[in-house]
Amino acid sequence: MGDRIDVNRATAAELDAVPGLTGHGFEIARYREERGRFTDLRQLDEVPGLSGKVDDVTRARLDAGAP
């Protein structure tokens, strides 16, 4: 499948390029700036507009990275 995208380091454009997150990169980056790093990918459900929309296939393309 290739490398996973780290939601704590990726730019809004990189996040937009992930199928299932298209159009939400800015909101993810803003959420991260306001609340700090993601420690669990389930926190994506807290991002405005993403609640219940991030499926397991999308999460498999992502990583929350090391602290």
PDB file of N, CA and C in Angstrom:
ATOM      1  N   MET A   1       0.817  -1.199   0.000  1.00  0.00           N
ATOM      2  CA  MET A   1       0.000   0.000   0.000  1.00  0.00           C
ATOM      3  C   MET A   1       0.856   1.255   0.000  1.00  0.00           C
ATOM      4  N   GLY A   2       2.119   1.202   0.382  1.00  0.00           N
ATOM      5  CA  GLY A   2       2.945   2.386   0.410  1.00  0.00           C
ATOM      6  C   GLY A   2       2.993   2.989   1.796  1.00  0.00           C
ATOM      7  N   ASP A   3       3.633   4.137   1.878  1.00  0.00           N
ATOM      8  CA  ASP A   3       3.796   4.800   3.164  1.00  0.00           C
ATOM      9  C   ASP A   3       2.492   5.382   3.664  1.00  0.00           C
ATOM     10  N   ARG A   4       2.360   5.367   4.975  1.00  0.00           N
ATOM     11  CA  ARG A   4       1.193   5.972   5.619  1.00  0.00           C
ATOM     12  C   ARG A   4       1.459   7.457   5.814  1.00  0.00           C
ATOM     13  N   ILE A   5       0.401   8.226   5.868  1.00  0.00           N
ATOM     14  CA  ILE A   5       0.491   9.667   6.075  1.00  0.00           C
ATOM     15  C   ILE A   5       0.356   9.945   7.568  1.00  0.00           C
ATOM     16  N   ASP A   6       1.293  10.693   8.117  1.00  0.00           N
ATOM     17  CA  ASP A   6       1.246  11.066   9.527  1.00  0.00           C
ATOM     18  C   ASP A   6       0.344  12.288   9.669  1.00  0.00           C
ATOM     19  N   VAL A   7      -0.791  12.130  10.338  1.00  0.00           N
ATOM     20  CA  VAL A   7      -1.746  13.227  10.476  1.00  0.00           C
ATOM     21  C   VAL A   7      -1.205  14.369  11.330  1.00  0.00           C
ATOM     22  N   ASN A   8      -0.126  14.124  12.055  1.00  0.00           N
ATOM     23  CA  ASN A   8       0.468  15.176  12.882  1.00  0.00           C
ATOM     24  C   ASN A   8       1.528  15.989  12.147  1.00  0.00           C
ATOM     25  N   ARG A   9       1.955  15.521  11.014  1.00  0.00           N
ATOM     26  CA  ARG A   9       2.997  16.224  10.253  1.00  0.00           C
ATOM     27  C   ARG A   9       2.552  16.634   8.852  1.00  0.00           C
ATOM     28  N   ALA A  10       1.521  16.014   8.344  1.00  0.00           N
ATOM     29  CA  ALA A  10       1.088  16.268   6.971  1.00  0.00           C
ATOM     30  C   ALA A  10       0.499  17.673   6.824  1.00  0.00           C
ATOM     31  N   THR A  11       0.721  18.235   5.659  1.00  0.00           N
ATOM     32  CA  THR A  11       0.109  19.527   5.346  1.00  0.00           C
ATOM     33  C   THR A  11      -1.361  19.303   4.992  1.00  0.00           C
ATOM     34  N   ALA A  12      -2.098  20.393   4.938  1.00  0.00           N
ATOM     35  CA  ALA A  12      -3.512  20.307   4.549  1.00  0.00           C
ATOM     36  C   ALA A  12      -3.632  19.690   3.157  1.00  0.00           C
ATOM     37  N   ALA A  13      -2.739  20.056   2.246  1.00  0.00           N
ATOM     38  CA  ALA A  13      -2.785  19.515   0.880  1.00  0.00           C
ATOM     39  C   ALA A  13      -2.497  18.016   0.869  1.00  0.00           C
ATOM     40  N   GLU A  14      -1.553  17.571   1.670  1.00  0.00           N
ATOM     41  CA  GLU A  14      -1.245  16.137   1.745  1.00  0.00           C
ATOM     42  C   GLU A  14      -2.432  15.359   2.310  1.00  0.00           C
ATOM     43  N   LEU A  15      -3.092  15.924   3.308  1.00  0.00           N
ATOM     44  CA  LEU A  15      -4.263  15.263   3.884  1.00  0.00           C
ATOM     45  C   LEU A  15      -5.414  15.229   2.883  1.00  0.00           C
ATOM     46  N   ASP A  16      -5.592  16.303   2.126  1.00  0.00           N
ATOM     47  CA  ASP A  16      -6.636  16.345   1.088  1.00  0.00           C
ATOM     48  C   ASP A  16      -6.435  15.271   0.030  1.00  0.00           C
ATOM     49  N   ALA A  17      -5.194  14.849  -0.179  1.00  0.00           N
ATOM     50  CA  ALA A  17      -4.890  13.855  -1.207  1.00  0.00           C
ATOM     51  C   ALA A  17      -5.232  12.434  -0.773  1.00  0.00           C
ATOM     52  N   VAL A  18      -5.553  12.239   0.501  1.00  0.00           N
ATOM     53  CA  VAL A  18      -5.901  10.911   1.001  1.00  0.00           C
ATOM     54  C   VAL A  18      -7.374  10.630   0.696  1.00  0.00           C
ATOM     55  N   PRO A  19      -7.665   9.580  -0.057  1.00  0.00           N
ATOM     56  CA  PRO A  19      -9.066   9.239  -0.311  1.00  0.00           C
ATOM     57  C   PRO A  19      -9.819   9.079   1.011  1.00  0.00           C
ATOM     58  N   GLY A  20     -10.959   9.729   1.085  1.00  0.00           N
ATOM     59  CA  GLY A  20     -11.746   9.703   2.314  1.00  0.00           C
ATOM     60  C   GLY A  20     -11.564  10.964   3.150  1.00  0.00           C
ATOM     61  N   LEU A  21     -10.504  11.725   2.865  1.00  0.00           N
ATOM     62  CA  LEU A  21     -10.268  12.983   3.577  1.00  0.00           C
ATOM     63  C   LEU A  21     -10.343  14.187   2.649  1.00  0.00           C
ATOM     64  N   THR A  22     -10.524  13.954   1.372  1.00  0.00           N
ATOM     65  CA  THR A  22     -10.547  15.025   0.384  1.00  0.00           C
ATOM     66  C   THR A  22     -11.485  16.145   0.812  1.00  0.00           C
ATOM     67  N   GLY A  23     -10.957  17.364   0.812  1.00  0.00           N
ATOM     68  CA  GLY A  23     -11.739  18.523   1.195  1.00  0.00           C
ATOM     69  C   GLY A  23     -11.741  18.819   2.681  1.00  0.00           C
ATOM     70  N   HIS A  24     -11.053  17.978   3.467  1.00  0.00           N
ATOM     71  CA  HIS A  24     -11.034  18.164   4.915  1.00  0.00           C
ATOM     72  C   HIS A  24      -9.638  18.430   5.470  1.00  0.00           C
ATOM     73  N   GLY A  25      -8.656  18.551   4.621  1.00  0.00           N
ATOM     74  CA  GLY A  25      -7.283  18.761   5.074  1.00  0.00           C
ATOM     75  C   GLY A  25      -7.115  20.006   5.922  1.00  0.00           C
ATOM     76  N   PHE A  26      -7.745  21.103   5.496  1.00  0.00           N
ATOM     77  CA  PHE A  26      -7.630  22.354   6.242  1.00  0.00           C
ATOM     78  C   PHE A  26      -8.215  22.198   7.639  1.00  0.00           C
ATOM     79  N   GLU A  27      -9.388  21.563   7.742  1.00  0.00           N
ATOM     80  CA  GLU A  27     -10.029  21.395   9.043  1.00  0.00           C
ATOM     81  C   GLU A  27      -9.188  20.506   9.969  1.00  0.00           C
ATOM     82  N   ILE A  28      -8.569  19.468   9.402  1.00  0.00           N
ATOM     83  CA  ILE A  28      -7.721  18.582  10.202  1.00  0.00           C
ATOM     84  C   ILE A  28      -6.502  19.351  10.714  1.00  0.00           C
ATOM     85  N   ALA A  29      -5.857  20.106   9.842  1.00  0.00           N
ATOM     86  CA  ALA A  29      -4.680  20.885  10.235  1.00  0.00           C
ATOM     87  C   ALA A  29      -5.044  21.941  11.279  1.00  0.00           C
ATOM     88  N   ARG A  30      -6.168  22.595  11.102  1.00  0.00           N
ATOM     89  CA  ARG A  30      -6.597  23.612  12.066  1.00  0.00           C
ATOM     90  C   ARG A  30      -6.906  22.977  13.425  1.00  0.00           C
ATOM     91  N   TYR A  31      -7.594  21.845  13.407  1.00  0.00           N
ATOM     92  CA  TYR A  31      -7.901  21.132  14.643  1.00  0.00           C
ATOM     93  C   TYR A  31      -6.610  20.780  15.374  1.00  0.00           C
ATOM     94  N   ARG A  32      -5.636  20.286  14.639  1.00  0.00           N
ATOM     95  CA  ARG A  32      -4.337  19.900  15.209  1.00  0.00           C
ATOM     96  C   ARG A  32      -3.633  21.115  15.817  1.00  0.00           C
ATOM     97  N   GLU A  33      -3.681  22.254  15.135  1.00  0.00           N
ATOM     98  CA  GLU A  33      -3.051  23.470  15.649  1.00  0.00           C
ATOM     99  C   GLU A  33      -3.729  23.957  16.919  1.00  0.00           C
ATOM    100  N   GLU A  34      -5.050  23.866  16.971  1.00  0.00           N
ATOM    101  CA  GLU A  34      -5.805  24.369  18.110  1.00  0.00           C
ATOM    102  C   GLU A  34      -5.763  23.438  19.320  1.00  0.00           C
ATOM    103  N   ARG A  35      -5.747  22.140  19.089  1.00  0.00           N
ATOM    104  CA  ARG A  35      -5.887  21.186  20.194  1.00  0.00           C
ATOM    105  C   ARG A  35      -4.664  20.322  20.441  1.00  0.00           C
ATOM    106  N   GLY A  36      -3.671  20.440  19.585  1.00  0.00           N
ATOM    107  CA  GLY A  36      -2.475  19.626  19.766  1.00  0.00           C
ATOM    108  C   GLY A  36      -2.519  18.376  18.899  1.00  0.00           C
ATOM    109  N   ARG A  37      -1.458  17.601  18.993  1.00  0.00           N
ATOM    110  CA  ARG A  37      -1.288  16.441  18.126  1.00  0.00           C
ATOM    111  C   ARG A  37      -2.357  15.386  18.369  1.00  0.00           C
ATOM    112  N   PHE A  38      -2.603  14.605  17.346  1.00  0.00           N
ATOM    113  CA  PHE A  38      -3.498  13.453  17.449  1.00  0.00           C
ATOM    114  C   PHE A  38      -2.722  12.317  18.114  1.00  0.00           C
ATOM    115  N   THR A  39      -3.325  11.670  19.077  1.00  0.00           N
ATOM    116  CA  THR A  39      -2.693  10.525  19.717  1.00  0.00           C
ATOM    117  C   THR A  39      -3.361   9.225  19.281  1.00  0.00           C
ATOM    118  N   ASP A  40      -4.518   9.347  18.663  1.00  0.00           N
ATOM    119  CA  ASP A  40      -5.292   8.193  18.208  1.00  0.00           C
ATOM    120  C   ASP A  40      -6.081   8.629  16.974  1.00  0.00           C
ATOM    121  N   LEU A  41      -6.094   7.795  15.957  1.00  0.00           N
ATOM    122  CA  LEU A  41      -6.788   8.161  14.716  1.00  0.00           C
ATOM    123  C   LEU A  41      -8.294   8.314  14.903  1.00  0.00           C
ATOM    124  N   ARG A  42      -8.851   7.748  15.961  1.00  0.00           N
ATOM    125  CA  ARG A  42     -10.283   7.920  16.216  1.00  0.00           C
ATOM    126  C   ARG A  42     -10.627   9.369  16.542  1.00  0.00           C
ATOM    127  N   GLN A  43      -9.607  10.154  16.912  1.00  0.00           N
ATOM    128  CA  GLN A  43      -9.828  11.575  17.185  1.00  0.00           C
ATOM    129  C   GLN A  43     -10.242  12.331  15.929  1.00  0.00           C
ATOM    130  N   LEU A  44     -10.022  11.762  14.763  1.00  0.00           N
ATOM    131  CA  LEU A  44     -10.473  12.418  13.529  1.00  0.00           C
ATOM    132  C   LEU A  44     -11.981  12.625  13.540  1.00  0.00           C
ATOM    133  N   ASP A  45     -12.704  11.789  14.265  1.00  0.00           N
ATOM    134  CA  ASP A  45     -14.154  11.948  14.362  1.00  0.00           C
ATOM    135  C   ASP A  45     -14.540  13.230  15.091  1.00  0.00           C
ATOM    136  N   GLU A  46     -13.600  13.846  15.812  1.00  0.00           N
ATOM    137  CA  GLU A  46     -13.858  15.096  16.518  1.00  0.00           C
ATOM    138  C   GLU A  46     -13.664  16.315  15.623  1.00  0.00           C
ATOM    139  N   VAL A  47     -13.062  16.126  14.467  1.00  0.00           N
ATOM    140  CA  VAL A  47     -12.829  17.226  13.529  1.00  0.00           C
ATOM    141  C   VAL A  47     -14.160  17.602  12.885  1.00  0.00           C
ATOM    142  N   PRO A  48     -14.515  18.894  12.923  1.00  0.00           N
ATOM    143  CA  PRO A  48     -15.775  19.309  12.306  1.00  0.00           C
ATOM    144  C   PRO A  48     -15.889  18.820  10.859  1.00  0.00           C
ATOM    145  N   GLY A  49     -17.006  18.194  10.556  1.00  0.00           N
ATOM    146  CA  GLY A  49     -17.260  17.688   9.214  1.00  0.00           C
ATOM    147  C   GLY A  49     -16.828  16.250   8.988  1.00  0.00           C
ATOM    148  N   LEU A  50     -16.092  15.659   9.917  1.00  0.00           N
ATOM    149  CA  LEU A  50     -15.592  14.295   9.719  1.00  0.00           C
ATOM    150  C   LEU A  50     -16.266  13.245  10.596  1.00  0.00           C
ATOM    151  N   SER A  51     -17.054  13.642  11.543  1.00  0.00           N
ATOM    152  CA  SER A  51     -17.661  12.697  12.470  1.00  0.00           C
ATOM    153  C   SER A  51     -18.364  11.555  11.730  1.00  0.00           C
ATOM    154  N   GLY A  52     -17.881  10.326  11.972  1.00  0.00           N
ATOM    155  CA  GLY A  52     -18.473   9.143  11.366  1.00  0.00           C
ATOM    156  C   GLY A  52     -18.135   8.915   9.903  1.00  0.00           C
ATOM    157  N   LYS A  53     -17.290   9.760   9.314  1.00  0.00           N
ATOM    158  CA  LYS A  53     -16.981   9.645   7.889  1.00  0.00           C
ATOM    159  C   LYS A  53     -15.654   8.957   7.591  1.00  0.00           C
ATOM    160  N   VAL A  54     -14.789   8.822   8.590  1.00  0.00           N
ATOM    161  CA  VAL A  54     -13.472   8.225   8.360  1.00  0.00           C
ATOM    162  C   VAL A  54     -13.579   6.721   8.617  1.00  0.00           C
ATOM    163  N   ASP A  55     -13.493   5.951   7.531  1.00  0.00           N
ATOM    164  CA  ASP A  55     -13.650   4.499   7.659  1.00  0.00           C
ATOM    165  C   ASP A  55     -12.305   3.807   7.891  1.00  0.00           C
ATOM    166  N   ASP A  56     -12.362   2.506   8.083  1.00  0.00           N
ATOM    167  CA  ASP A  56     -11.156   1.725   8.363  1.00  0.00           C
ATOM    168  C   ASP A  56     -10.176   1.736   7.196  1.00  0.00           C
ATOM    169  N   VAL A  57     -10.672   1.812   5.981  1.00  0.00           N
ATOM    170  CA  VAL A  57      -9.804   1.852   4.805  1.00  0.00           C
ATOM    171  C   VAL A  57      -8.984   3.146   4.813  1.00  0.00           C
ATOM    172  N   THR A  58      -9.642   4.258   5.138  1.00  0.00           N
ATOM    173  CA  THR A  58      -8.937   5.541   5.219  1.00  0.00           C
ATOM    174  C   THR A  58      -7.954   5.524   6.376  1.00  0.00           C
ATOM    175  N   ARG A  59      -8.381   5.038   7.531  1.00  0.00           N
ATOM    176  CA  ARG A  59      -7.489   4.989   8.701  1.00  0.00           C
ATOM    177  C   ARG A  59      -6.247   4.130   8.418  1.00  0.00           C
ATOM    178  N   ALA A  60      -6.387   3.104   7.591  1.00  0.00           N
ATOM    179  CA  ALA A  60      -5.246   2.241   7.257  1.00  0.00           C
ATOM    180  C   ALA A  60      -4.184   2.996   6.466  1.00  0.00           C
ATOM    181  N   ARG A  61      -4.539   4.123   5.871  1.00  0.00           N
ATOM    182  CA  ARG A  61      -3.587   4.940   5.114  1.00  0.00           C
ATOM    183  C   ARG A  61      -2.897   5.986   5.999  1.00  0.00           C
ATOM    184  N   LEU A  62      -3.317   6.052   7.256  1.00  0.00           N
ATOM    185  CA  LEU A  62      -2.860   7.102   8.156  1.00  0.00           C
ATOM    186  C   LEU A  62      -2.077   6.556   9.324  1.00  0.00           C
ATOM    187  N   ASP A  63      -1.360   7.478   9.986  1.00  0.00           N
ATOM    188  CA  ASP A  63      -0.609   7.147  11.186  1.00  0.00           C
ATOM    189  C   ASP A  63      -0.649   8.385  12.083  1.00  0.00           C
ATOM    190  N   ALA A  64      -0.670   8.168  13.391  1.00  0.00           N
ATOM    191  CA  ALA A  64      -0.629   9.294  14.331  1.00  0.00           C
ATOM    192  C   ALA A  64       0.810   9.604  14.754  1.00  0.00           C
ATOM    193  N   GLY A  65       1.760   8.860  14.234  1.00  0.00           N
ATOM    194  CA  GLY A  65       3.179   9.136  14.461  1.00  0.00           C
ATOM    195  C   GLY A  65       3.626   8.988  15.892  1.00  0.00           C
ATOM    196  N   ALA A  66       4.899   9.035  16.069  1.00  0.00           N
ATOM    197  CA  ALA A  66       5.483   8.952  17.397  1.00  0.00           C
ATOM    198  C   ALA A  66       5.444  10.324  18.052  1.00  0.00           C
ATOM    199  N   PRO A  67       5.347  10.367  19.374  1.00  0.00           N
ATOM    200  CA  PRO A  67       5.307  11.655  20.072  1.00  0.00           C
ATOM    201  C   PRO A  67       6.554  12.473  19.862  1.00  0.00           C
TER     202      PRO A  67
END
